[in-house]
Amino acid sequence: MSDPTPGLRPAQNRALREAYASTRQLVEHWRTLAGRLGPGRPSDELTAGAQAAEELLAELSERMAGYGLFGGPAVASVGTTVAGTRNVVGDRALERNQAARMAVLDGQHLVTLLAYLAALAEADGDGVLAAWCTEWDARLTPLVDGVRRAAIATGADPERAIAPADPGSLGRAGHAAALAVGSVGEWFDRRARRRAR
């Protein structure tokens, strides 16, 4: 069987496909979360990051096609599924501060992946791909840092920080369920501590 992506090592093939799925996931997740969190700094930072990542996704598609690698339905569905799960289920049980802080992980994963891709390309002598990955890492890192700073800043308003990330009825229900589970856990831990004495 011939190499499906001539000019790419298997590590590059996998990392490029992962970058496509991760970028797509970030765009969908950050855009949805920005809308849920309402006006303010976290939403503004998430929106700016999602817009830049959308540009990255378009450029990444073109680069991948040059290697005979495509962001088709299989890899695209991975990003959509992960984002969908977080948008529909995960974020609905979180507080505003938690959802904003966890969103930072999407961005940190993506910029780390871009730096890894640059290292792979350098090792393979592909200076063009390495430079492109490094440029995008440098472009996205300040945006990811902005989301991180905005997530930290939610602590300046403690009451709003613990409000449901999703203000809708499903978000309020998910948040209430998470609080109930947390309260039971605290009660259990206090009892276990008393028994241990």
N, C-alpha and C. Protein backbone atom coordinates (compact mmCIF):
# COMPACT_ATOMS: atom_id res chain seq x y z
N MET A 1 0.85 -1.18 0.00
CA MET A 1 0.00 0.00 0.00
C MET A 1 0.90 1.24 0.00
N SER A 2 0.58 2.22 -0.83
CA SER A 2 1.41 3.42 -0.92
C SER A 2 1.08 4.38 0.22
N ASP A 3 2.02 5.28 0.47
CA ASP A 3 1.84 6.27 1.52
C ASP A 3 0.68 7.20 1.12
N PRO A 4 -0.36 7.33 1.97
CA PRO A 4 -1.50 8.17 1.60
C PRO A 4 -1.16 9.66 1.57
N THR A 5 -0.11 10.06 2.26
CA THR A 5 0.28 11.47 2.28
C THR A 5 1.78 11.59 2.04
N PRO A 6 2.19 11.47 0.76
CA PRO A 6 3.62 11.61 0.46
C PRO A 6 4.15 12.95 0.95
N GLY A 7 5.34 12.93 1.49
CA GLY A 7 5.95 14.17 1.98
C GLY A 7 5.66 14.44 3.44
N LEU A 8 4.84 13.60 4.07
CA LEU A 8 4.55 13.77 5.49
C LEU A 8 4.87 12.50 6.24
N ARG A 9 5.51 12.64 7.36
CA ARG A 9 5.71 11.49 8.24
C ARG A 9 4.37 11.19 8.93
N PRO A 10 4.19 9.97 9.42
CA PRO A 10 2.94 9.65 10.13
C PRO A 10 2.66 10.62 11.28
N ALA A 11 3.70 11.03 12.00
CA ALA A 11 3.49 11.97 13.12
C ALA A 11 2.91 13.29 12.63
N GLN A 12 3.39 13.76 11.47
CA GLN A 12 2.87 15.01 10.91
C GLN A 12 1.44 14.84 10.43
N ASN A 13 1.17 13.72 9.77
CA ASN A 13 -0.17 13.43 9.29
C ASN A 13 -1.16 13.49 10.45
N ARG A 14 -0.83 12.77 11.52
CA ARG A 14 -1.74 12.71 12.68
C ARG A 14 -1.89 14.07 13.35
N ALA A 15 -0.78 14.78 13.49
CA ALA A 15 -0.83 16.08 14.17
C ALA A 15 -1.61 17.10 13.36
N LEU A 16 -1.48 17.08 12.03
CA LEU A 16 -2.25 18.01 11.20
C LEU A 16 -3.75 17.72 11.29
N ARG A 17 -4.11 16.45 11.27
CA ARG A 17 -5.53 16.10 11.41
C ARG A 17 -6.05 16.49 12.79
N GLU A 18 -5.21 16.27 13.80
CA GLU A 18 -5.61 16.67 15.16
C GLU A 18 -5.75 18.19 15.24
N ALA A 19 -4.86 18.91 14.59
CA ALA A 19 -4.95 20.37 14.59
C ALA A 19 -6.25 20.84 13.94
N TYR A 20 -6.64 20.16 12.85
CA TYR A 20 -7.90 20.52 12.19
C TYR A 20 -9.08 20.30 13.14
N ALA A 21 -9.14 19.11 13.75
CA ALA A 21 -10.24 18.80 14.67
C ALA A 21 -10.24 19.73 15.88
N SER A 22 -9.06 20.00 16.43
CA SER A 22 -8.96 20.86 17.62
C SER A 22 -9.34 22.30 17.31
N THR A 23 -8.93 22.78 16.14
CA THR A 23 -9.27 24.15 15.76
C THR A 23 -10.76 24.29 15.54
N ARG A 24 -11.33 23.32 14.87
CA ARG A 24 -12.79 23.35 14.64
C ARG A 24 -13.55 23.32 15.96
N GLN A 25 -13.09 22.47 16.87
CA GLN A 25 -13.72 22.36 18.19
C GLN A 25 -13.63 23.69 18.93
N LEU A 26 -12.45 24.32 18.90
CA LEU A 26 -12.28 25.59 19.58
C LEU A 26 -13.21 26.66 19.02
N VAL A 27 -13.29 26.75 17.69
CA VAL A 27 -14.15 27.76 17.06
C VAL A 27 -15.59 27.58 17.55
N GLU A 28 -16.10 26.36 17.47
CA GLU A 28 -17.50 26.12 17.83
C GLU A 28 -17.74 26.30 19.32
N HIS A 29 -16.82 25.80 20.14
CA HIS A 29 -17.00 25.90 21.59
C HIS A 29 -16.88 27.34 22.06
N TRP A 30 -15.83 28.05 21.66
CA TRP A 30 -15.63 29.41 22.13
C TRP A 30 -16.74 30.34 21.64
N ARG A 31 -17.19 30.15 20.41
CA ARG A 31 -18.26 31.02 19.89
C ARG A 31 -19.55 30.81 20.69
N THR A 32 -19.90 29.56 20.94
CA THR A 32 -21.12 29.26 21.71
C THR A 32 -21.00 29.76 23.14
N LEU A 33 -19.86 29.50 23.77
CA LEU A 33 -19.67 29.93 25.15
C LEU A 33 -19.70 31.44 25.28
N ALA A 34 -19.12 32.15 24.33
CA ALA A 34 -19.15 33.62 24.36
C ALA A 34 -20.58 34.13 24.38
N GLY A 35 -21.44 33.50 23.58
CA GLY A 35 -22.85 33.90 23.56
C GLY A 35 -23.55 33.62 24.87
N ARG A 36 -23.19 32.53 25.51
CA ARG A 36 -23.83 32.17 26.78
C ARG A 36 -23.39 33.06 27.93
N LEU A 37 -22.12 33.41 27.95
CA LEU A 37 -21.59 34.18 29.09
C LEU A 37 -22.08 35.62 29.10
N GLY A 38 -22.62 36.07 27.98
CA GLY A 38 -23.16 37.42 27.93
C GLY A 38 -22.07 38.47 27.81
N PRO A 39 -22.47 39.74 27.76
CA PRO A 39 -21.51 40.82 27.54
C PRO A 39 -20.44 40.85 28.62
N GLY A 40 -19.25 41.22 28.19
CA GLY A 40 -18.15 41.34 29.15
C GLY A 40 -16.87 40.78 28.59
N ARG A 41 -15.87 40.86 29.42
CA ARG A 41 -14.52 40.52 28.98
C ARG A 41 -14.35 39.07 28.55
N PRO A 42 -14.83 38.07 29.32
CA PRO A 42 -14.61 36.70 28.82
C PRO A 42 -15.20 36.49 27.43
N SER A 43 -16.40 37.00 27.22
CA SER A 43 -17.05 36.83 25.91
C SER A 43 -16.28 37.52 24.79
N ASP A 44 -15.81 38.72 25.06
CA ASP A 44 -15.05 39.46 24.04
C ASP A 44 -13.78 38.71 23.66
N GLU A 45 -13.07 38.19 24.67
CA GLU A 45 -11.83 37.46 24.40
C GLU A 45 -12.10 36.15 23.67
N LEU A 46 -13.15 35.44 24.08
CA LEU A 46 -13.50 34.19 23.40
C LEU A 46 -13.88 34.44 21.94
N THR A 47 -14.62 35.50 21.70
CA THR A 47 -15.04 35.84 20.33
C THR A 47 -13.82 36.16 19.45
N ALA A 48 -12.89 36.95 19.97
CA ALA A 48 -11.69 37.29 19.21
C ALA A 48 -10.88 36.03 18.91
N GLY A 49 -10.75 35.15 19.88
CA GLY A 49 -10.02 33.90 19.67
C GLY A 49 -10.70 33.00 18.65
N ALA A 50 -12.02 32.93 18.70
CA ALA A 50 -12.76 32.10 17.75
C ALA A 50 -12.62 32.63 16.33
N GLN A 51 -12.62 33.95 16.17
CA GLN A 51 -12.46 34.54 14.84
C GLN A 51 -11.09 34.22 14.26
N ALA A 52 -10.05 34.35 15.06
CA ALA A 52 -8.70 34.04 14.59
C ALA A 52 -8.59 32.55 14.26
N ALA A 53 -9.16 31.70 15.11
CA ALA A 53 -9.09 30.26 14.87
C ALA A 53 -9.84 29.87 13.60
N GLU A 54 -10.89 30.61 13.27
CA GLU A 54 -11.61 30.35 12.02
C GLU A 54 -10.71 30.63 10.82
N GLU A 55 -9.91 31.69 10.91
CA GLU A 55 -8.94 31.98 9.85
C GLU A 55 -7.88 30.87 9.77
N LEU A 56 -7.43 30.42 10.93
CA LEU A 56 -6.47 29.32 10.97
C LEU A 56 -7.05 28.09 10.30
N LEU A 57 -8.30 27.79 10.57
CA LEU A 57 -8.94 26.61 10.00
C LEU A 57 -8.95 26.67 8.47
N ALA A 58 -9.24 27.84 7.91
CA ALA A 58 -9.25 27.99 6.45
C ALA A 58 -7.85 27.78 5.88
N GLU A 59 -6.84 28.39 6.51
CA GLU A 59 -5.47 28.22 6.03
C GLU A 59 -4.98 26.79 6.21
N LEU A 60 -5.36 26.19 7.32
CA LEU A 60 -4.96 24.82 7.61
C LEU A 60 -5.53 23.86 6.56
N SER A 61 -6.75 24.08 6.15
CA SER A 61 -7.36 23.25 5.11
C SER A 61 -6.56 23.30 3.82
N GLU A 62 -6.14 24.52 3.44
CA GLU A 62 -5.34 24.68 2.22
C GLU A 62 -3.98 23.99 2.35
N ARG A 63 -3.33 24.16 3.50
CA ARG A 63 -2.03 23.52 3.72
C ARG A 63 -2.14 22.01 3.68
N MET A 64 -3.15 21.48 4.35
CA MET A 64 -3.33 20.03 4.38
C MET A 64 -3.58 19.49 2.98
N ALA A 65 -4.38 20.20 2.20
CA ALA A 65 -4.68 19.75 0.83
C ALA A 65 -3.41 19.66 0.00
N GLY A 66 -2.45 20.53 0.27
CA GLY A 66 -1.18 20.48 -0.45
C GLY A 66 -0.41 19.19 -0.21
N TYR A 67 -0.71 18.53 0.89
CA TYR A 67 -0.08 17.24 1.20
C TYR A 67 -1.00 16.06 0.88
N GLY A 68 -2.15 16.35 0.27
CA GLY A 68 -3.11 15.29 -0.02
C GLY A 68 -3.85 14.84 1.23
N LEU A 69 -3.97 15.74 2.18
CA LEU A 69 -4.63 15.46 3.46
C LEU A 69 -5.80 16.43 3.57
N PHE A 70 -6.95 15.93 3.98
CA PHE A 70 -8.15 16.77 3.94
C PHE A 70 -8.92 16.74 5.25
N GLY A 71 -9.51 17.87 5.57
CA GLY A 71 -10.37 17.99 6.75
C GLY A 71 -11.79 17.65 6.35
N GLY A 72 -12.00 16.40 5.96
CA GLY A 72 -13.31 15.95 5.52
C GLY A 72 -14.23 15.60 6.67
N PRO A 73 -15.32 14.90 6.35
CA PRO A 73 -16.34 14.60 7.35
C PRO A 73 -15.82 13.85 8.58
N ALA A 74 -14.88 12.93 8.39
CA ALA A 74 -14.41 12.14 9.53
C ALA A 74 -13.71 13.00 10.56
N VAL A 75 -12.70 13.77 10.13
CA VAL A 75 -11.96 14.59 11.09
C VAL A 75 -12.80 15.78 11.55
N ALA A 76 -13.62 16.32 10.67
CA ALA A 76 -14.47 17.45 11.05
C ALA A 76 -15.47 17.04 12.12
N SER A 77 -15.98 15.82 12.02
CA SER A 77 -16.99 15.38 12.99
C SER A 77 -16.39 15.22 14.38
N VAL A 78 -15.09 14.93 14.47
CA VAL A 78 -14.45 14.81 15.79
C VAL A 78 -14.53 16.16 16.50
N GLY A 79 -14.12 17.22 15.81
CA GLY A 79 -14.18 18.55 16.42
C GLY A 79 -15.59 18.97 16.75
N THR A 80 -16.53 18.69 15.86
CA THR A 80 -17.93 19.05 16.07
C THR A 80 -18.51 18.27 17.24
N THR A 81 -18.19 16.99 17.34
CA THR A 81 -18.72 16.15 18.42
C THR A 81 -18.20 16.61 19.77
N VAL A 82 -16.90 16.88 19.86
CA VAL A 82 -16.33 17.33 21.14
C VAL A 82 -16.95 18.67 21.54
N ALA A 83 -17.02 19.60 20.60
CA ALA A 83 -17.60 20.91 20.90
C ALA A 83 -19.07 20.76 21.27
N GLY A 84 -19.78 19.92 20.53
CA GLY A 84 -21.20 19.71 20.80
C GLY A 84 -21.45 19.16 22.18
N THR A 85 -20.63 18.20 22.58
CA THR A 85 -20.78 17.61 23.91
C THR A 85 -20.56 18.67 24.98
N ARG A 86 -19.55 19.48 24.80
CA ARG A 86 -19.29 20.52 25.79
C ARG A 86 -20.36 21.60 25.76
N ASN A 87 -20.81 21.97 24.57
CA ASN A 87 -21.82 23.02 24.45
C ASN A 87 -23.18 22.57 24.99
N VAL A 88 -23.55 21.32 24.70
CA VAL A 88 -24.88 20.84 25.06
C VAL A 88 -24.92 20.33 26.49
N VAL A 89 -23.86 19.67 26.94
CA VAL A 89 -23.88 19.04 28.26
C VAL A 89 -22.90 19.70 29.23
N GLY A 90 -21.61 19.67 28.91
CA GLY A 90 -20.57 20.07 29.86
C GLY A 90 -20.72 21.46 30.43
N ASP A 91 -20.78 22.47 29.60
CA ASP A 91 -20.82 23.84 30.08
C ASP A 91 -22.09 24.16 30.86
N ARG A 92 -23.14 23.41 30.61
CA ARG A 92 -24.41 23.70 31.27
C ARG A 92 -24.40 23.40 32.76
N ALA A 93 -23.45 22.60 33.21
CA ALA A 93 -23.35 22.29 34.63
C ALA A 93 -22.33 23.17 35.34
N LEU A 94 -21.70 24.06 34.59
CA LEU A 94 -20.61 24.86 35.15
C LEU A 94 -21.04 26.27 35.53
N GLU A 95 -20.25 26.85 36.43
CA GLU A 95 -20.40 28.26 36.75
C GLU A 95 -19.65 29.06 35.69
N ARG A 96 -19.93 30.36 35.62
CA ARG A 96 -19.27 31.21 34.62
C ARG A 96 -17.75 31.12 34.72
N ASN A 97 -17.22 31.20 35.95
CA ASN A 97 -15.77 31.17 36.11
C ASN A 97 -15.21 29.84 35.66
N GLN A 98 -15.90 28.74 35.96
CA GLN A 98 -15.42 27.42 35.59
C GLN A 98 -15.38 27.25 34.07
N ALA A 99 -16.46 27.65 33.41
CA ALA A 99 -16.53 27.51 31.95
C ALA A 99 -15.45 28.35 31.28
N ALA A 100 -15.23 29.56 31.77
CA ALA A 100 -14.19 30.43 31.19
C ALA A 100 -12.81 29.83 31.42
N ARG A 101 -12.55 29.32 32.63
CA ARG A 101 -11.24 28.74 32.92
C ARG A 101 -10.99 27.48 32.10
N MET A 102 -12.03 26.65 31.94
CA MET A 102 -11.85 25.42 31.17
C MET A 102 -11.67 25.70 29.68
N ALA A 103 -12.25 26.80 29.20
CA ALA A 103 -12.09 27.17 27.80
C ALA A 103 -10.63 27.50 27.47
N VAL A 104 -9.89 27.97 28.48
CA VAL A 104 -8.47 28.27 28.28
C VAL A 104 -7.73 27.02 27.81
N LEU A 105 -8.15 25.86 28.32
CA LEU A 105 -7.47 24.61 27.96
C LEU A 105 -7.56 24.32 26.46
N ASP A 106 -8.68 24.68 25.83
CA ASP A 106 -8.81 24.50 24.38
C ASP A 106 -7.68 25.24 23.66
N GLY A 107 -7.50 26.49 24.05
CA GLY A 107 -6.49 27.32 23.40
C GLY A 107 -5.08 26.86 23.70
N GLN A 108 -4.83 26.48 24.95
CA GLN A 108 -3.49 26.01 25.30
C GLN A 108 -3.15 24.72 24.54
N HIS A 109 -4.14 23.86 24.39
CA HIS A 109 -3.90 22.63 23.63
C HIS A 109 -3.53 22.97 22.19
N LEU A 110 -4.27 23.90 21.59
CA LEU A 110 -4.04 24.23 20.18
C LEU A 110 -2.68 24.89 19.96
N VAL A 111 -2.28 25.84 20.80
CA VAL A 111 -0.98 26.49 20.57
C VAL A 111 0.16 25.51 20.84
N THR A 112 -0.01 24.62 21.81
CA THR A 112 1.01 23.59 22.05
C THR A 112 1.12 22.66 20.86
N LEU A 113 -0.01 22.31 20.28
CA LEU A 113 -0.03 21.44 19.10
C LEU A 113 0.65 22.13 17.91
N LEU A 114 0.42 23.42 17.74
CA LEU A 114 1.07 24.15 16.65
C LEU A 114 2.59 24.18 16.85
N ALA A 115 3.04 24.36 18.09
CA ALA A 115 4.48 24.36 18.36
C ALA A 115 5.06 22.97 18.10
N TYR A 116 4.33 21.93 18.46
CA TYR A 116 4.75 20.55 18.19
C TYR A 116 4.85 20.31 16.68
N LEU A 117 3.85 20.78 15.94
CA LEU A 117 3.89 20.65 14.47
C LEU A 117 5.09 21.38 13.88
N ALA A 118 5.42 22.53 14.43
CA ALA A 118 6.60 23.27 13.96
C ALA A 118 7.86 22.46 14.20
N ALA A 119 7.96 21.82 15.37
CA ALA A 119 9.13 21.00 15.68
C ALA A 119 9.21 19.79 14.74
N LEU A 120 8.08 19.17 14.44
CA LEU A 120 8.06 18.05 13.50
C LEU A 120 8.52 18.48 12.12
N ALA A 121 8.01 19.64 11.68
CA ALA A 121 8.38 20.14 10.35
C ALA A 121 9.86 20.49 10.29
N GLU A 122 10.39 21.10 11.34
CA GLU A 122 11.83 21.40 11.40
C GLU A 122 12.64 20.12 11.30
N ALA A 123 12.24 19.09 12.04
CA ALA A 123 12.96 17.82 12.04
C ALA A 123 12.95 17.18 10.66
N ASP A 124 11.92 17.48 9.88
CA ASP A 124 11.79 16.90 8.55
C ASP A 124 12.35 17.83 7.46
N GLY A 125 12.88 18.98 7.87
CA GLY A 125 13.44 19.90 6.89
C GLY A 125 12.41 20.71 6.13
N ASP A 126 11.18 20.78 6.64
CA ASP A 126 10.11 21.53 5.98
C ASP A 126 10.01 22.90 6.65
N GLY A 127 10.90 23.80 6.25
CA GLY A 127 10.95 25.13 6.85
C GLY A 127 9.70 25.95 6.61
N VAL A 128 9.03 25.73 5.48
CA VAL A 128 7.82 26.49 5.17
C VAL A 128 6.71 26.15 6.16
N LEU A 129 6.48 24.86 6.38
CA LEU A 129 5.44 24.45 7.32
C LEU A 129 5.82 24.87 8.74
N ALA A 130 7.10 24.72 9.08
CA ALA A 130 7.56 25.12 10.43
C ALA A 130 7.30 26.60 10.67
N ALA A 131 7.62 27.44 9.69
CA ALA A 131 7.42 28.88 9.84
C ALA A 131 5.94 29.22 9.97
N TRP A 132 5.12 28.54 9.18
CA TRP A 132 3.67 28.79 9.23
C TRP A 132 3.12 28.42 10.60
N CYS A 133 3.51 27.28 11.13
CA CYS A 133 3.03 26.84 12.45
C CYS A 133 3.51 27.80 13.54
N THR A 134 4.76 28.23 13.45
CA THR A 134 5.32 29.16 14.44
C THR A 134 4.59 30.50 14.39
N GLU A 135 4.28 30.95 13.18
CA GLU A 135 3.56 32.22 13.02
C GLU A 135 2.17 32.13 13.67
N TRP A 136 1.46 31.03 13.45
CA TRP A 136 0.13 30.87 14.04
C TRP A 136 0.21 30.69 15.55
N ASP A 137 1.22 29.99 16.02
CA ASP A 137 1.42 29.86 17.47
C ASP A 137 1.59 31.26 18.07
N ALA A 138 2.42 32.08 17.46
CA ALA A 138 2.66 33.43 17.95
C ALA A 138 1.42 34.31 17.86
N ARG A 139 0.61 34.08 16.86
CA ARG A 139 -0.60 34.88 16.69
C ARG A 139 -1.69 34.48 17.69
N LEU A 140 -1.82 33.18 17.95
CA LEU A 140 -2.89 32.72 18.85
C LEU A 140 -2.54 32.82 20.32
N THR A 141 -1.26 32.70 20.66
CA THR A 141 -0.87 32.70 22.08
C THR A 141 -1.36 33.93 22.84
N PRO A 142 -1.24 35.15 22.29
CA PRO A 142 -1.77 36.31 23.03
C PRO A 142 -3.29 36.26 23.20
N LEU A 143 -3.99 35.66 22.24
CA LEU A 143 -5.44 35.55 22.35
C LEU A 143 -5.81 34.54 23.44
N VAL A 144 -5.08 33.44 23.49
CA VAL A 144 -5.30 32.45 24.55
C VAL A 144 -4.99 33.07 25.91
N ASP A 145 -3.90 33.84 25.97
CA ASP A 145 -3.56 34.53 27.21
C ASP A 145 -4.65 35.53 27.61
N GLY A 146 -5.28 36.15 26.62
CA GLY A 146 -6.39 37.07 26.90
C GLY A 146 -7.57 36.35 27.52
N VAL A 147 -7.89 35.17 27.00
CA VAL A 147 -8.97 34.37 27.58
C VAL A 147 -8.60 33.98 29.01
N ARG A 148 -7.33 33.60 29.22
CA ARG A 148 -6.87 33.22 30.56
C ARG A 148 -7.02 34.40 31.53
N ARG A 149 -6.56 35.57 31.12
CA ARG A 149 -6.67 36.75 31.99
C ARG A 149 -8.13 37.09 32.29
N ALA A 150 -8.99 36.96 31.27
CA ALA A 150 -10.41 37.25 31.47
C ALA A 150 -11.05 36.23 32.41
N ALA A 151 -10.63 34.97 32.29
CA ALA A 151 -11.16 33.94 33.20
C ALA A 151 -10.74 34.24 34.64
N ILE A 152 -9.49 34.64 34.82
CA ILE A 152 -9.00 34.99 36.16
C ILE A 152 -9.78 36.19 36.71
N ALA A 153 -10.04 37.16 35.84
CA ALA A 153 -10.72 38.39 36.24
C ALA A 153 -12.17 38.16 36.67
N THR A 154 -12.76 37.00 36.33
CA THR A 154 -14.13 36.74 36.81
C THR A 154 -14.17 36.73 38.33
N GLY A 155 -13.00 36.49 38.97
CA GLY A 155 -12.94 36.50 40.43
C GLY A 155 -13.17 37.87 41.03
N ALA A 156 -13.10 38.92 40.24
CA ALA A 156 -13.32 40.28 40.76
C ALA A 156 -14.79 40.51 41.10
N ASP A 157 -15.67 39.67 40.59
CA ASP A 157 -17.11 39.77 40.88
C ASP A 157 -17.57 38.39 41.35
N PRO A 158 -17.34 38.08 42.64
CA PRO A 158 -17.59 36.72 43.14
C PRO A 158 -19.02 36.21 42.92
N GLU A 159 -20.00 37.08 43.01
CA GLU A 159 -21.39 36.61 42.83
C GLU A 159 -21.65 36.22 41.37
N ARG A 160 -21.20 37.05 40.45
CA ARG A 160 -21.39 36.74 39.04
C ARG A 160 -20.53 35.56 38.61
N ALA A 161 -19.37 35.40 39.25
CA ALA A 161 -18.45 34.31 38.90
C ALA A 161 -19.09 32.94 39.10
N ILE A 162 -19.98 32.83 40.10
CA ILE A 162 -20.58 31.52 40.39
C ILE A 162 -21.97 31.36 39.80
N ALA A 163 -22.39 32.33 38.98
CA ALA A 163 -23.67 32.19 38.28
C ALA A 163 -23.53 31.09 37.22
N PRO A 164 -24.65 30.47 36.83
CA PRO A 164 -24.57 29.44 35.79
C PRO A 164 -23.96 30.00 34.50
N ALA A 165 -23.09 29.20 33.87
CA ALA A 165 -22.49 29.61 32.60
C ALA A 165 -23.55 29.76 31.52
N ASP A 166 -24.59 28.94 31.61
CA ASP A 166 -25.71 29.01 30.67
C ASP A 166 -26.91 29.55 31.44
N PRO A 167 -27.35 30.78 31.16
CA PRO A 167 -28.44 31.37 31.93
C PRO A 167 -29.82 30.79 31.59
N GLY A 168 -29.91 29.92 30.58
CA GLY A 168 -31.19 29.33 30.21
C GLY A 168 -31.66 28.29 31.21
N SER A 169 -32.85 27.75 30.99
CA SER A 169 -33.43 26.79 31.94
C SER A 169 -32.59 25.52 32.05
N LEU A 170 -32.06 25.02 30.93
CA LEU A 170 -31.20 23.83 31.00
C LEU A 170 -29.92 24.13 31.76
N GLY A 171 -29.37 25.30 31.56
CA GLY A 171 -28.16 25.69 32.28
C GLY A 171 -28.41 25.81 33.76
N ARG A 172 -29.53 26.42 34.13
CA ARG A 172 -29.85 26.55 35.56
C ARG A 172 -30.07 25.17 36.18
N ALA A 173 -30.72 24.27 35.44
CA ALA A 173 -30.95 22.91 35.96
C ALA A 173 -29.63 22.16 36.11
N GLY A 174 -28.76 22.26 35.11
CA GLY A 174 -27.46 21.59 35.18
C GLY A 174 -26.61 22.14 36.32
N HIS A 175 -26.66 23.45 36.50
CA HIS A 175 -25.91 24.09 37.57
C HIS A 175 -26.44 23.64 38.93
N ALA A 176 -27.77 23.57 39.07
CA ALA A 176 -28.36 23.13 40.34
C ALA A 176 -27.97 21.69 40.64
N ALA A 177 -27.97 20.83 39.63
CA ALA A 177 -27.58 19.44 39.83
C ALA A 177 -26.12 19.35 40.27
N ALA A 178 -25.25 20.14 39.64
CA ALA A 178 -23.83 20.13 40.01
C ALA A 178 -23.65 20.61 41.45
N LEU A 179 -24.40 21.64 41.84
CA LEU A 179 -24.32 22.12 43.23
C LEU A 179 -24.78 21.05 44.21
N ALA A 180 -25.84 20.34 43.87
CA ALA A 180 -26.34 19.28 44.74
C ALA A 180 -25.31 18.18 44.92
N VAL A 181 -24.70 17.76 43.82
CA VAL A 181 -23.66 16.73 43.89
C VAL A 181 -22.49 17.22 44.74
N GLY A 182 -22.10 18.47 44.55
CA GLY A 182 -21.01 19.04 45.34
C GLY A 182 -21.34 19.11 46.82
N SER A 183 -22.58 19.47 47.15
CA SER A 183 -22.99 19.54 48.56
C SER A 183 -22.97 18.18 49.21
N VAL A 184 -23.45 17.16 48.50
CA VAL A 184 -23.42 15.79 49.02
C VAL A 184 -21.97 15.35 49.24
N GLY A 185 -21.11 15.69 48.30
CA GLY A 185 -19.69 15.35 48.43
C GLY A 185 -19.06 16.00 49.64
N GLU A 186 -19.38 17.29 49.87
CA GLU A 186 -18.85 17.98 51.04
C GLU A 186 -19.33 17.33 52.33
N TRP A 187 -20.64 17.02 52.39
CA TRP A 187 -21.21 16.37 53.57
C TRP A 187 -20.50 15.04 53.85
N PHE A 188 -20.32 14.25 52.79
CA PHE A 188 -19.66 12.95 52.93
C PHE A 188 -18.22 13.12 53.44
N ASP A 189 -17.49 14.08 52.87
CA ASP A 189 -16.10 14.30 53.28
C ASP A 189 -16.01 14.76 54.74
N ARG A 190 -16.97 15.61 55.19
CA ARG A 190 -16.96 16.04 56.59
C ARG A 190 -17.21 14.87 57.53
N ARG A 191 -18.15 14.02 57.16
CA ARG A 191 -18.44 12.82 57.99
C ARG A 191 -17.23 11.90 58.05
N ALA A 192 -16.60 11.69 56.89
CA ALA A 192 -15.43 10.80 56.85
C ALA A 192 -14.31 11.37 57.71
N ARG A 193 -14.16 12.68 57.72
CA ARG A 193 -13.11 13.33 58.52
C ARG A 193 -13.40 13.15 60.01
N ARG A 194 -14.67 13.32 60.41
CA ARG A 194 -15.04 13.16 61.83
C ARG A 194 -14.80 11.73 62.29
N ARG A 195 -15.12 10.77 61.44
CA ARG A 195 -14.92 9.36 61.80
C ARG A 195 -13.46 9.01 61.93
N ALA A 196 -12.62 9.68 61.15
CA ALA A 196 -11.19 9.38 61.17
C ALA A 196 -10.51 9.89 62.43
N ARG A 197 -11.15 10.79 63.14
CA ARG A 197 -10.53 11.37 64.36
C ARG A 197 -10.62 10.44 65.54
